[in-house]
mmCIF file of all heavy atoms, coordinates in Angstrom:
data_MODEL
# 
_entry.id   MODEL 
# 
loop_
_atom_site.group_PDB 
_atom_site.id 
_atom_site.type_symbol 
_atom_site.label_atom_id 
_atom_site.label_alt_id 
_atom_site.label_comp_id 
_atom_site.label_asym_id 
_atom_site.label_entity_id 
_atom_site.label_seq_id 
_atom_site.pdbx_PDB_ins_code 
_atom_site.Cartn_x 
_atom_site.Cartn_y 
_atom_site.Cartn_z 
_atom_site.occupancy 
_atom_site.B_iso_or_equiv 
_atom_site.pdbx_formal_charge 
_atom_site.auth_seq_id 
_atom_site.auth_comp_id 
_atom_site.auth_asym_id 
_atom_site.auth_atom_id 
_atom_site.pdbx_PDB_model_num 
ATOM 1   N N   . GLU A 1 1  ? 202.625 115.705 65.217 1.00 0.00 ? 1  GLU A N   1 
ATOM 2   C CA  . GLU A 1 1  ? 203.468 114.556 64.890 1.00 0.00 ? 1  GLU A CA  1 
ATOM 3   C C   . GLU A 1 1  ? 202.966 113.760 63.697 1.00 0.00 ? 1  GLU A C   1 
ATOM 4   O O   . GLU A 1 1  ? 203.490 112.678 63.415 1.00 0.00 ? 1  GLU A O   1 
ATOM 5   C CB  . GLU A 1 1  ? 203.550 113.640 66.127 1.00 0.00 ? 1  GLU A CB  1 
ATOM 6   C CG  . GLU A 1 1  ? 204.118 114.309 67.377 1.00 0.00 ? 1  GLU A CG  1 
ATOM 7   C CD  . GLU A 1 1  ? 204.031 113.430 68.577 1.00 0.00 ? 1  GLU A CD  1 
ATOM 8   O OE1 . GLU A 1 1  ? 203.475 112.311 68.472 1.00 0.00 ? 1  GLU A OE1 1 
ATOM 9   O OE2 . GLU A 1 1  ? 204.524 113.801 69.638 1.00 0.00 ? 1  GLU A OE2 1 
ATOM 10  N N   . GLY A 1 2  ? 201.925 114.236 63.060 1.00 0.00 ? 2  GLY A N   1 
ATOM 11  C CA  . GLY A 1 2  ? 201.338 113.479 62.015 1.00 0.00 ? 2  GLY A CA  1 
ATOM 12  C C   . GLY A 1 2  ? 202.112 113.403 60.704 1.00 0.00 ? 2  GLY A C   1 
ATOM 13  O O   . GLY A 1 2  ? 203.181 114.079 60.588 1.00 0.00 ? 2  GLY A O   1 
ATOM 14  N N   . PHE A 1 3  ? 201.617 112.671 59.761 1.00 0.00 ? 3  PHE A N   1 
ATOM 15  C CA  . PHE A 1 3  ? 202.257 112.405 58.454 1.00 0.00 ? 3  PHE A CA  1 
ATOM 16  C C   . PHE A 1 3  ? 202.455 113.748 57.719 1.00 0.00 ? 3  PHE A C   1 
ATOM 17  O O   . PHE A 1 3  ? 203.544 114.066 57.249 1.00 0.00 ? 3  PHE A O   1 
ATOM 18  C CB  . PHE A 1 3  ? 201.387 111.475 57.647 1.00 0.00 ? 3  PHE A CB  1 
ATOM 19  C CG  . PHE A 1 3  ? 201.940 111.048 56.371 1.00 0.00 ? 3  PHE A CG  1 
ATOM 20  C CD1 . PHE A 1 3  ? 202.969 110.124 56.384 1.00 0.00 ? 3  PHE A CD1 1 
ATOM 21  C CD2 . PHE A 1 3  ? 201.493 111.552 55.152 1.00 0.00 ? 3  PHE A CD2 1 
ATOM 22  C CE1 . PHE A 1 3  ? 203.552 109.726 55.165 1.00 0.00 ? 3  PHE A CE1 1 
ATOM 23  C CE2 . PHE A 1 3  ? 202.022 111.126 53.965 1.00 0.00 ? 3  PHE A CE2 1 
ATOM 24  C CZ  . PHE A 1 3  ? 203.067 110.210 53.968 1.00 0.00 ? 3  PHE A CZ  1 
ATOM 25  N N   . LEU A 1 4  ? 201.399 114.568 57.653 1.00 0.00 ? 4  LEU A N   1 
ATOM 26  C CA  . LEU A 1 4  ? 201.523 115.849 56.921 1.00 0.00 ? 4  LEU A CA  1 
ATOM 27  C C   . LEU A 1 4  ? 202.454 116.778 57.652 1.00 0.00 ? 4  LEU A C   1 
ATOM 28  O O   . LEU A 1 4  ? 203.192 117.560 57.067 1.00 0.00 ? 4  LEU A O   1 
ATOM 29  C CB  . LEU A 1 4  ? 200.170 116.519 56.771 1.00 0.00 ? 4  LEU A CB  1 
ATOM 30  C CG  . LEU A 1 4  ? 199.357 116.054 55.514 1.00 0.00 ? 4  LEU A CG  1 
ATOM 31  C CD1 . LEU A 1 4  ? 198.048 116.787 55.496 1.00 0.00 ? 4  LEU A CD1 1 
ATOM 32  C CD2 . LEU A 1 4  ? 200.126 116.292 54.256 1.00 0.00 ? 4  LEU A CD2 1 
ATOM 33  N N   . ASP A 1 5  ? 202.450 116.737 59.002 1.00 0.00 ? 5  ASP A N   1 
ATOM 34  C CA  . ASP A 1 5  ? 203.366 117.638 59.791 1.00 0.00 ? 5  ASP A CA  1 
ATOM 35  C C   . ASP A 1 5  ? 204.808 117.317 59.434 1.00 0.00 ? 5  ASP A C   1 
ATOM 36  O O   . ASP A 1 5  ? 205.625 118.206 59.203 1.00 0.00 ? 5  ASP A O   1 
ATOM 37  C CB  . ASP A 1 5  ? 203.087 117.412 61.291 1.00 0.00 ? 5  ASP A CB  1 
ATOM 38  C CG  . ASP A 1 5  ? 201.703 117.850 61.696 1.00 0.00 ? 5  ASP A CG  1 
ATOM 39  O OD1 . ASP A 1 5  ? 201.440 119.071 61.560 1.00 0.00 ? 5  ASP A OD1 1 
ATOM 40  O OD2 . ASP A 1 5  ? 200.947 117.054 62.145 1.00 0.00 ? 5  ASP A OD2 1 
ATOM 41  N N   . ARG A 1 6  ? 205.112 115.989 59.419 1.00 0.00 ? 6  ARG A N   1 
ATOM 42  C CA  . ARG A 1 6  ? 206.489 115.600 59.076 1.00 0.00 ? 6  ARG A CA  1 
ATOM 43  C C   . ARG A 1 6  ? 206.851 115.956 57.661 1.00 0.00 ? 6  ARG A C   1 
ATOM 44  O O   . ARG A 1 6  ? 207.943 116.385 57.348 1.00 0.00 ? 6  ARG A O   1 
ATOM 45  C CB  . ARG A 1 6  ? 206.685 114.088 59.317 1.00 0.00 ? 6  ARG A CB  1 
ATOM 46  C CG  . ARG A 1 6  ? 206.567 113.662 60.763 1.00 0.00 ? 6  ARG A CG  1 
ATOM 47  C CD  . ARG A 1 6  ? 207.251 112.283 60.968 1.00 0.00 ? 6  ARG A CD  1 
ATOM 48  N NE  . ARG A 1 6  ? 206.734 111.315 60.026 1.00 0.00 ? 6  ARG A NE  1 
ATOM 49  C CZ  . ARG A 1 6  ? 205.670 110.521 60.279 1.00 0.00 ? 6  ARG A CZ  1 
ATOM 50  N NH1 . ARG A 1 6  ? 205.060 110.636 61.440 1.00 0.00 ? 6  ARG A NH1 1 
ATOM 51  N NH2 . ARG A 1 6  ? 205.295 109.592 59.433 1.00 0.00 ? 6  ARG A NH2 1 
ATOM 52  N N   . MET A 1 7  ? 205.857 115.781 56.790 1.00 0.00 ? 7  MET A N   1 
ATOM 53  C CA  . MET A 1 7  ? 206.102 116.058 55.374 1.00 0.00 ? 7  MET A CA  1 
ATOM 54  C C   . MET A 1 7  ? 206.413 117.565 55.147 1.00 0.00 ? 7  MET A C   1 
ATOM 55  O O   . MET A 1 7  ? 207.324 117.934 54.439 1.00 0.00 ? 7  MET A O   1 
ATOM 56  C CB  . MET A 1 7  ? 204.898 115.669 54.567 1.00 0.00 ? 7  MET A CB  1 
ATOM 57  C CG  . MET A 1 7  ? 205.081 115.694 53.058 1.00 0.00 ? 7  MET A CG  1 
ATOM 58  S SD  . MET A 1 7  ? 203.673 114.985 52.203 1.00 0.00 ? 7  MET A SD  1 
ATOM 59  C CE  . MET A 1 7  ? 204.199 115.117 50.482 1.00 0.00 ? 7  MET A CE  1 
ATOM 60  N N   . ILE A 1 8  ? 205.623 118.386 55.807 1.00 0.00 ? 8  ILE A N   1 
ATOM 61  C CA  . ILE A 1 8  ? 205.819 119.833 55.737 1.00 0.00 ? 8  ILE A CA  1 
ATOM 62  C C   . ILE A 1 8  ? 207.168 120.246 56.271 1.00 0.00 ? 8  ILE A C   1 
ATOM 63  O O   . ILE A 1 8  ? 207.935 121.008 55.607 1.00 0.00 ? 8  ILE A O   1 
ATOM 64  C CB  . ILE A 1 8  ? 204.707 120.618 56.491 1.00 0.00 ? 8  ILE A CB  1 
ATOM 65  C CG1 . ILE A 1 8  ? 203.367 120.481 55.750 1.00 0.00 ? 8  ILE A CG1 1 
ATOM 66  C CG2 . ILE A 1 8  ? 205.055 122.089 56.622 1.00 0.00 ? 8  ILE A CG2 1 
ATOM 67  C CD1 . ILE A 1 8  ? 202.162 120.901 56.592 1.00 0.00 ? 8  ILE A CD1 1 
ATOM 68  N N   . ALA A 1 9  ? 207.590 119.705 57.395 1.00 0.00 ? 9  ALA A N   1 
ATOM 69  C CA  . ALA A 1 9  ? 208.899 120.009 58.000 1.00 0.00 ? 9  ALA A CA  1 
ATOM 70  C C   . ALA A 1 9  ? 210.013 119.599 57.089 1.00 0.00 ? 9  ALA A C   1 
ATOM 71  O O   . ALA A 1 9  ? 211.011 120.297 56.933 1.00 0.00 ? 9  ALA A O   1 
ATOM 72  C CB  . ALA A 1 9  ? 209.010 119.413 59.349 1.00 0.00 ? 9  ALA A CB  1 
ATOM 73  N N   . LEU A 1 10 ? 209.869 118.422 56.475 1.00 0.00 ? 10 LEU A N   1 
ATOM 74  C CA  . LEU A 1 10 ? 210.950 117.896 55.633 1.00 0.00 ? 10 LEU A CA  1 
ATOM 75  C C   . LEU A 1 10 ? 211.089 118.719 54.344 1.00 0.00 ? 10 LEU A C   1 
ATOM 76  O O   . LEU A 1 10 ? 212.193 119.048 53.924 1.00 0.00 ? 10 LEU A O   1 
ATOM 77  C CB  . LEU A 1 10 ? 210.700 116.439 55.313 1.00 0.00 ? 10 LEU A CB  1 
ATOM 78  C CG  . LEU A 1 10 ? 210.953 115.457 56.455 1.00 0.00 ? 10 LEU A CG  1 
ATOM 79  C CD1 . LEU A 1 10 ? 210.329 114.101 56.210 1.00 0.00 ? 10 LEU A CD1 1 
ATOM 80  C CD2 . LEU A 1 10 ? 212.454 115.326 56.674 1.00 0.00 ? 10 LEU A CD2 1 
ATOM 81  N N   . VAL A 1 11 ? 209.986 119.025 53.695 1.00 0.00 ? 11 VAL A N   1 
ATOM 82  C CA  . VAL A 1 11 ? 210.124 119.760 52.457 1.00 0.00 ? 11 VAL A CA  1 
ATOM 83  C C   . VAL A 1 11 ? 210.559 121.204 52.685 1.00 0.00 ? 11 VAL A C   1 
ATOM 84  O O   . VAL A 1 11 ? 211.145 121.824 51.815 1.00 0.00 ? 11 VAL A O   1 
ATOM 85  C CB  . VAL A 1 11 ? 208.816 119.766 51.634 1.00 0.00 ? 11 VAL A CB  1 
ATOM 86  C CG1 . VAL A 1 11 ? 208.404 118.361 51.246 1.00 0.00 ? 11 VAL A CG1 1 
ATOM 87  C CG2 . VAL A 1 11 ? 207.677 120.411 52.365 1.00 0.00 ? 11 VAL A CG2 1 
ATOM 88  N N   . GLU A 1 12 ? 210.294 121.705 53.857 1.00 0.00 ? 12 GLU A N   1 
ATOM 89  C CA  . GLU A 1 12 ? 210.858 123.030 54.194 1.00 0.00 ? 12 GLU A CA  1 
ATOM 90  C C   . GLU A 1 12 ? 212.302 123.019 54.506 1.00 0.00 ? 12 GLU A C   1 
ATOM 91  O O   . GLU A 1 12 ? 212.979 124.044 54.538 1.00 0.00 ? 12 GLU A O   1 
ATOM 92  C CB  . GLU A 1 12 ? 210.073 123.634 55.370 1.00 0.00 ? 12 GLU A CB  1 
ATOM 93  C CG  . GLU A 1 12 ? 208.687 124.149 55.011 1.00 0.00 ? 12 GLU A CG  1 
ATOM 94  C CD  . GLU A 1 12 ? 208.006 124.763 56.258 1.00 0.00 ? 12 GLU A CD  1 
ATOM 95  O OE1 . GLU A 1 12 ? 208.250 124.278 57.361 1.00 0.00 ? 12 GLU A OE1 1 
ATOM 96  O OE2 . GLU A 1 12 ? 207.293 125.793 56.063 1.00 0.00 ? 12 GLU A OE2 1 
ATOM 97  N N   . GLY A 1 13 ? 212.831 121.842 54.716 1.00 0.00 ? 13 GLY A N   1 
ATOM 98  C CA  . GLY A 1 13 ? 214.250 121.772 55.087 1.00 0.00 ? 13 GLY A CA  1 
ATOM 99  C C   . GLY A 1 13 ? 214.527 122.004 56.552 1.00 0.00 ? 13 GLY A C   1 
ATOM 100 O O   . GLY A 1 13 ? 215.685 122.052 56.948 1.00 0.00 ? 13 GLY A O   1 
ATOM 101 N N   . ALA A 1 14 ? 213.456 122.193 57.364 1.00 0.00 ? 14 ALA A N   1 
ATOM 102 C CA  . ALA A 1 14 ? 213.641 122.530 58.727 1.00 0.00 ? 14 ALA A CA  1 
ATOM 103 C C   . ALA A 1 14 ? 214.336 121.399 59.550 1.00 0.00 ? 14 ALA A C   1 
ATOM 104 O O   . ALA A 1 14 ? 214.999 121.641 60.512 1.00 0.00 ? 14 ALA A O   1 
ATOM 105 C CB  . ALA A 1 14 ? 212.338 122.907 59.391 1.00 0.00 ? 14 ALA A CB  1 
ATOM 106 N N   . GLU A 1 15 ? 214.118 120.182 59.097 1.00 0.00 ? 15 GLU A N   1 
ATOM 107 C CA  . GLU A 1 15 ? 214.608 119.031 59.853 1.00 0.00 ? 15 GLU A CA  1 
ATOM 108 C C   . GLU A 1 15 ? 215.703 118.265 59.040 1.00 0.00 ? 15 GLU A C   1 
ATOM 109 O O   . GLU A 1 15 ? 216.060 117.182 59.382 1.00 0.00 ? 15 GLU A O   1 
ATOM 110 C CB  . GLU A 1 15 ? 213.513 118.087 60.245 1.00 0.00 ? 15 GLU A CB  1 
ATOM 111 C CG  . GLU A 1 15 ? 212.527 118.702 61.259 1.00 0.00 ? 15 GLU A CG  1 
ATOM 112 C CD  . GLU A 1 15 ? 211.505 117.688 61.703 1.00 0.00 ? 15 GLU A CD  1 
ATOM 113 O OE1 . GLU A 1 15 ? 211.564 116.520 61.282 1.00 0.00 ? 15 GLU A OE1 1 
ATOM 114 O OE2 . GLU A 1 15 ? 210.620 118.080 62.449 1.00 0.00 ? 15 GLU A OE2 1 
ATOM 115 N N   . ARG A 1 16 ? 216.154 118.849 57.947 1.00 0.00 ? 16 ARG A N   1 
ATOM 116 C CA  . ARG A 1 16 ? 217.173 118.187 57.141 1.00 0.00 ? 16 ARG A CA  1 
ATOM 117 C C   . ARG A 1 16 ? 218.485 118.123 57.824 1.00 0.00 ? 16 ARG A C   1 
ATOM 118 O O   . ARG A 1 16 ? 219.061 119.171 58.112 1.00 0.00 ? 16 ARG A O   1 
ATOM 119 C CB  . ARG A 1 16 ? 217.296 118.863 55.775 1.00 0.00 ? 16 ARG A CB  1 
ATOM 120 C CG  . ARG A 1 16 ? 217.966 117.999 54.670 1.00 0.00 ? 16 ARG A CG  1 
ATOM 121 C CD  . ARG A 1 16 ? 218.302 118.776 53.485 1.00 0.00 ? 16 ARG A CD  1 
ATOM 122 N NE  . ARG A 1 16 ? 219.514 119.587 53.706 1.00 0.00 ? 16 ARG A NE  1 
ATOM 123 C CZ  . ARG A 1 16 ? 220.748 119.150 53.505 1.00 0.00 ? 16 ARG A CZ  1 
ATOM 124 N NH1 . ARG A 1 16 ? 220.929 117.904 53.127 1.00 0.00 ? 16 ARG A NH1 1 
ATOM 125 N NH2 . ARG A 1 16 ? 221.777 119.921 53.699 1.00 0.00 ? 16 ARG A NH2 1 
ATOM 126 N N   . GLN A 1 17 ? 218.979 116.925 58.050 1.00 0.00 ? 17 GLN A N   1 
ATOM 127 C CA  . GLN A 1 17 ? 220.289 116.761 58.658 1.00 0.00 ? 17 GLN A CA  1 
ATOM 128 C C   . GLN A 1 17 ? 221.253 116.295 57.610 1.00 0.00 ? 17 GLN A C   1 
ATOM 129 O O   . GLN A 1 17 ? 220.922 115.713 56.625 1.00 0.00 ? 17 GLN A O   1 
ATOM 130 C CB  . GLN A 1 17 ? 220.240 115.727 59.800 1.00 0.00 ? 17 GLN A CB  1 
ATOM 131 C CG  . GLN A 1 17 ? 219.284 116.108 60.937 1.00 0.00 ? 17 GLN A CG  1 
ATOM 132 C CD  . GLN A 1 17 ? 219.260 114.996 61.957 1.00 0.00 ? 17 GLN A CD  1 
ATOM 133 O OE1 . GLN A 1 17 ? 219.618 113.901 61.742 1.00 0.00 ? 17 GLN A OE1 1 
ATOM 134 N NE2 . GLN A 1 17 ? 218.730 115.424 63.151 1.00 0.00 ? 17 GLN A NE2 1 
ATOM 135 N N   . LYS A 1 18 ? 222.572 116.638 57.836 1.00 0.00 ? 18 LYS A N   1 
ATOM 136 C CA  . LYS A 1 18 ? 223.579 116.221 56.899 1.00 0.00 ? 18 LYS A CA  1 
ATOM 137 C C   . LYS A 1 18 ? 223.707 114.735 56.851 1.00 0.00 ? 18 LYS A C   1 
ATOM 138 O O   . LYS A 1 18 ? 223.728 114.088 57.881 1.00 0.00 ? 18 LYS A O   1 
ATOM 139 C CB  . LYS A 1 18 ? 224.911 116.896 57.229 1.00 0.00 ? 18 LYS A CB  1 
ATOM 140 C CG  . LYS A 1 18 ? 224.980 118.382 56.978 1.00 0.00 ? 18 LYS A CG  1 
ATOM 141 C CD  . LYS A 1 18 ? 226.413 118.951 57.201 1.00 0.00 ? 18 LYS A CD  1 
ATOM 142 C CE  . LYS A 1 18 ? 226.455 120.432 56.888 1.00 0.00 ? 18 LYS A CE  1 
ATOM 143 N NZ  . LYS A 1 18 ? 227.795 120.955 57.054 1.00 0.00 ? 18 LYS A NZ  1 
ATOM 144 N N   . THR A 1 19 ? 223.851 114.212 55.645 1.00 0.00 ? 19 THR A N   1 
ATOM 145 C CA  . THR A 1 19 ? 223.994 112.769 55.488 1.00 0.00 ? 19 THR A CA  1 
ATOM 146 C C   . THR A 1 19 ? 225.460 112.395 55.686 1.00 0.00 ? 19 THR A C   1 
ATOM 147 O O   . THR A 1 19 ? 226.329 113.261 55.699 1.00 0.00 ? 19 THR A O   1 
ATOM 148 C CB  . THR A 1 19 ? 223.611 112.380 54.062 1.00 0.00 ? 19 THR A CB  1 
ATOM 149 O OG1 . THR A 1 19 ? 224.473 112.971 53.148 1.00 0.00 ? 19 THR A OG1 1 
ATOM 150 C CG2 . THR A 1 19 ? 222.145 112.778 53.779 1.00 0.00 ? 19 THR A CG2 1 
ATOM 151 N N   . PRO A 1 20 ? 225.808 111.100 55.970 1.00 0.00 ? 20 PRO A N   1 
ATOM 152 C CA  . PRO A 1 20 ? 227.156 110.681 56.127 1.00 0.00 ? 20 PRO A CA  1 
ATOM 153 C C   . PRO A 1 20 ? 228.063 111.083 54.993 1.00 0.00 ? 20 PRO A C   1 
ATOM 154 O O   . PRO A 1 20 ? 229.174 111.533 55.164 1.00 0.00 ? 20 PRO A O   1 
ATOM 155 C CB  . PRO A 1 20 ? 227.048 109.158 56.268 1.00 0.00 ? 20 PRO A CB  1 
ATOM 156 C CG  . PRO A 1 20 ? 225.718 108.951 56.865 1.00 0.00 ? 20 PRO A CG  1 
ATOM 157 C CD  . PRO A 1 20 ? 224.814 110.018 56.230 1.00 0.00 ? 20 PRO A CD  1 
ATOM 158 N N   . ASN A 1 21 ? 227.552 110.951 53.756 1.00 0.00 ? 21 ASN A N   1 
ATOM 159 C CA  . ASN A 1 21 ? 228.308 111.372 52.563 1.00 0.00 ? 21 ASN A CA  1 
ATOM 160 C C   . ASN A 1 21 ? 228.610 112.826 52.606 1.00 0.00 ? 21 ASN A C   1 
ATOM 161 O O   . ASN A 1 21 ? 229.756 113.257 52.341 1.00 0.00 ? 21 ASN A O   1 
ATOM 162 C CB  . ASN A 1 21 ? 227.558 110.929 51.313 1.00 0.00 ? 21 ASN A CB  1 
ATOM 163 C CG  . ASN A 1 21 ? 228.295 111.304 50.055 1.00 0.00 ? 21 ASN A CG  1 
ATOM 164 O OD1 . ASN A 1 21 ? 228.379 112.467 49.656 1.00 0.00 ? 21 ASN A OD1 1 
ATOM 165 N ND2 . ASN A 1 21 ? 228.832 110.291 49.412 1.00 0.00 ? 21 ASN A ND2 1 
ATOM 166 N N   . GLU A 1 22 ? 227.641 113.607 53.019 1.00 0.00 ? 22 GLU A N   1 
ATOM 167 C CA  . GLU A 1 22 ? 227.767 115.074 53.018 1.00 0.00 ? 22 GLU A CA  1 
ATOM 168 C C   . GLU A 1 22 ? 228.734 115.486 54.163 1.00 0.00 ? 22 GLU A C   1 
ATOM 169 O O   . GLU A 1 22 ? 229.557 116.401 53.980 1.00 0.00 ? 22 GLU A O   1 
ATOM 170 C CB  . GLU A 1 22 ? 226.417 115.691 53.227 1.00 0.00 ? 22 GLU A CB  1 
ATOM 171 C CG  . GLU A 1 22 ? 226.361 117.189 52.933 1.00 0.00 ? 22 GLU A CG  1 
ATOM 172 C CD  . GLU A 1 22 ? 224.920 117.738 53.034 1.00 0.00 ? 22 GLU A CD  1 
ATOM 173 O OE1 . GLU A 1 22 ? 223.969 116.926 53.010 1.00 0.00 ? 22 GLU A OE1 1 
ATOM 174 O OE2 . GLU A 1 22 ? 224.795 118.992 53.106 1.00 0.00 ? 22 GLU A OE2 1 
ATOM 175 N N   . ILE A 1 23 ? 228.666 114.790 55.283 1.00 0.00 ? 23 ILE A N   1 
ATOM 176 C CA  . ILE A 1 23 ? 229.545 115.098 56.367 1.00 0.00 ? 23 ILE A CA  1 
ATOM 177 C C   . ILE A 1 23 ? 230.999 114.774 55.963 1.00 0.00 ? 23 ILE A C   1 
ATOM 178 O O   . ILE A 1 23 ? 231.924 115.556 56.259 1.00 0.00 ? 23 ILE A O   1 
ATOM 179 C CB  . ILE A 1 23 ? 229.168 114.273 57.624 1.00 0.00 ? 23 ILE A CB  1 
ATOM 180 C CG1 . ILE A 1 23 ? 227.823 114.813 58.163 1.00 0.00 ? 23 ILE A CG1 1 
ATOM 181 C CG2 . ILE A 1 23 ? 230.227 114.367 58.720 1.00 0.00 ? 23 ILE A CG2 1 
ATOM 182 C CD1 . ILE A 1 23 ? 227.243 113.932 59.289 1.00 0.00 ? 23 ILE A CD1 1 
ATOM 183 N N   . ALA A 1 24 ? 231.207 113.610 55.320 1.00 0.00 ? 24 ALA A N   1 
ATOM 184 C CA  . ALA A 1 24 ? 232.519 113.210 54.912 1.00 0.00 ? 24 ALA A CA  1 
ATOM 185 C C   . ALA A 1 24 ? 233.088 114.260 53.886 1.00 0.00 ? 24 ALA A C   1 
ATOM 186 O O   . ALA A 1 24 ? 234.287 114.609 53.992 1.00 0.00 ? 24 ALA A O   1 
ATOM 187 C CB  . ALA A 1 24 ? 232.488 111.825 54.250 1.00 0.00 ? 24 ALA A CB  1 
ATOM 188 N N   . LEU A 1 25 ? 232.238 114.682 52.968 1.00 0.00 ? 25 LEU A N   1 
ATOM 189 C CA  . LEU A 1 25 ? 232.714 115.660 51.989 1.00 0.00 ? 25 LEU A CA  1 
ATOM 190 C C   . LEU A 1 25 ? 233.038 116.993 52.686 1.00 0.00 ? 25 LEU A C   1 
ATOM 191 O O   . LEU A 1 25 ? 234.020 117.677 52.304 1.00 0.00 ? 25 LEU A O   1 
ATOM 192 C CB  . LEU A 1 25 ? 231.669 115.871 50.884 1.00 0.00 ? 25 LEU A CB  1 
ATOM 193 C CG  . LEU A 1 25 ? 232.029 116.765 49.752 1.00 0.00 ? 25 LEU A CG  1 
ATOM 194 C CD1 . LEU A 1 25 ? 233.335 116.396 49.102 1.00 0.00 ? 25 LEU A CD1 1 
ATOM 195 C CD2 . LEU A 1 25 ? 230.926 116.773 48.698 1.00 0.00 ? 25 LEU A CD2 1 
ATOM 196 N N   . THR A 1 26 ? 232.212 117.411 53.659 1.00 0.00 ? 26 THR A N   1 
ATOM 197 C CA  . THR A 1 26 ? 232.500 118.614 54.384 1.00 0.00 ? 26 THR A CA  1 
ATOM 198 C C   . THR A 1 26 ? 233.831 118.569 55.089 1.00 0.00 ? 26 THR A C   1 
ATOM 199 O O   . THR A 1 26 ? 234.627 119.498 55.080 1.00 0.00 ? 26 THR A O   1 
ATOM 200 C CB  . THR A 1 26 ? 231.355 118.913 55.421 1.00 0.00 ? 26 THR A CB  1 
ATOM 201 O OG1 . THR A 1 26 ? 230.131 119.013 54.753 1.00 0.00 ? 26 THR A OG1 1 
ATOM 202 C CG2 . THR A 1 26 ? 231.634 120.132 56.209 1.00 0.00 ? 26 THR A CG2 1 
ATOM 203 N N   . LEU A 1 27 ? 234.153 117.424 55.720 1.00 0.00 ? 27 LEU A N   1 
ATOM 204 C CA  . LEU A 1 27 ? 235.405 117.204 56.388 1.00 0.00 ? 27 LEU A CA  1 
ATOM 205 C C   . LEU A 1 27 ? 236.595 117.328 55.383 1.00 0.00 ? 27 LEU A C   1 
ATOM 206 O O   . LEU A 1 27 ? 237.649 117.922 55.697 1.00 0.00 ? 27 LEU A O   1 
ATOM 207 C CB  . LEU A 1 27 ? 235.474 115.872 57.079 1.00 0.00 ? 27 LEU A CB  1 
ATOM 208 C CG  . LEU A 1 27 ? 234.558 115.735 58.334 1.00 0.00 ? 27 LEU A CG  1 
ATOM 209 C CD1 . LEU A 1 27 ? 234.579 114.293 58.869 1.00 0.00 ? 27 LEU A CD1 1 
ATOM 210 C CD2 . LEU A 1 27 ? 234.943 116.724 59.404 1.00 0.00 ? 27 LEU A CD2 1 
# 
């Protein structure tokens, strides 16, 4: 759960969720 763990997960895209703007455009 550490800082580097979160950083690694985020840069890998494993935890990237669609943003509201992206969801609206998808719709």
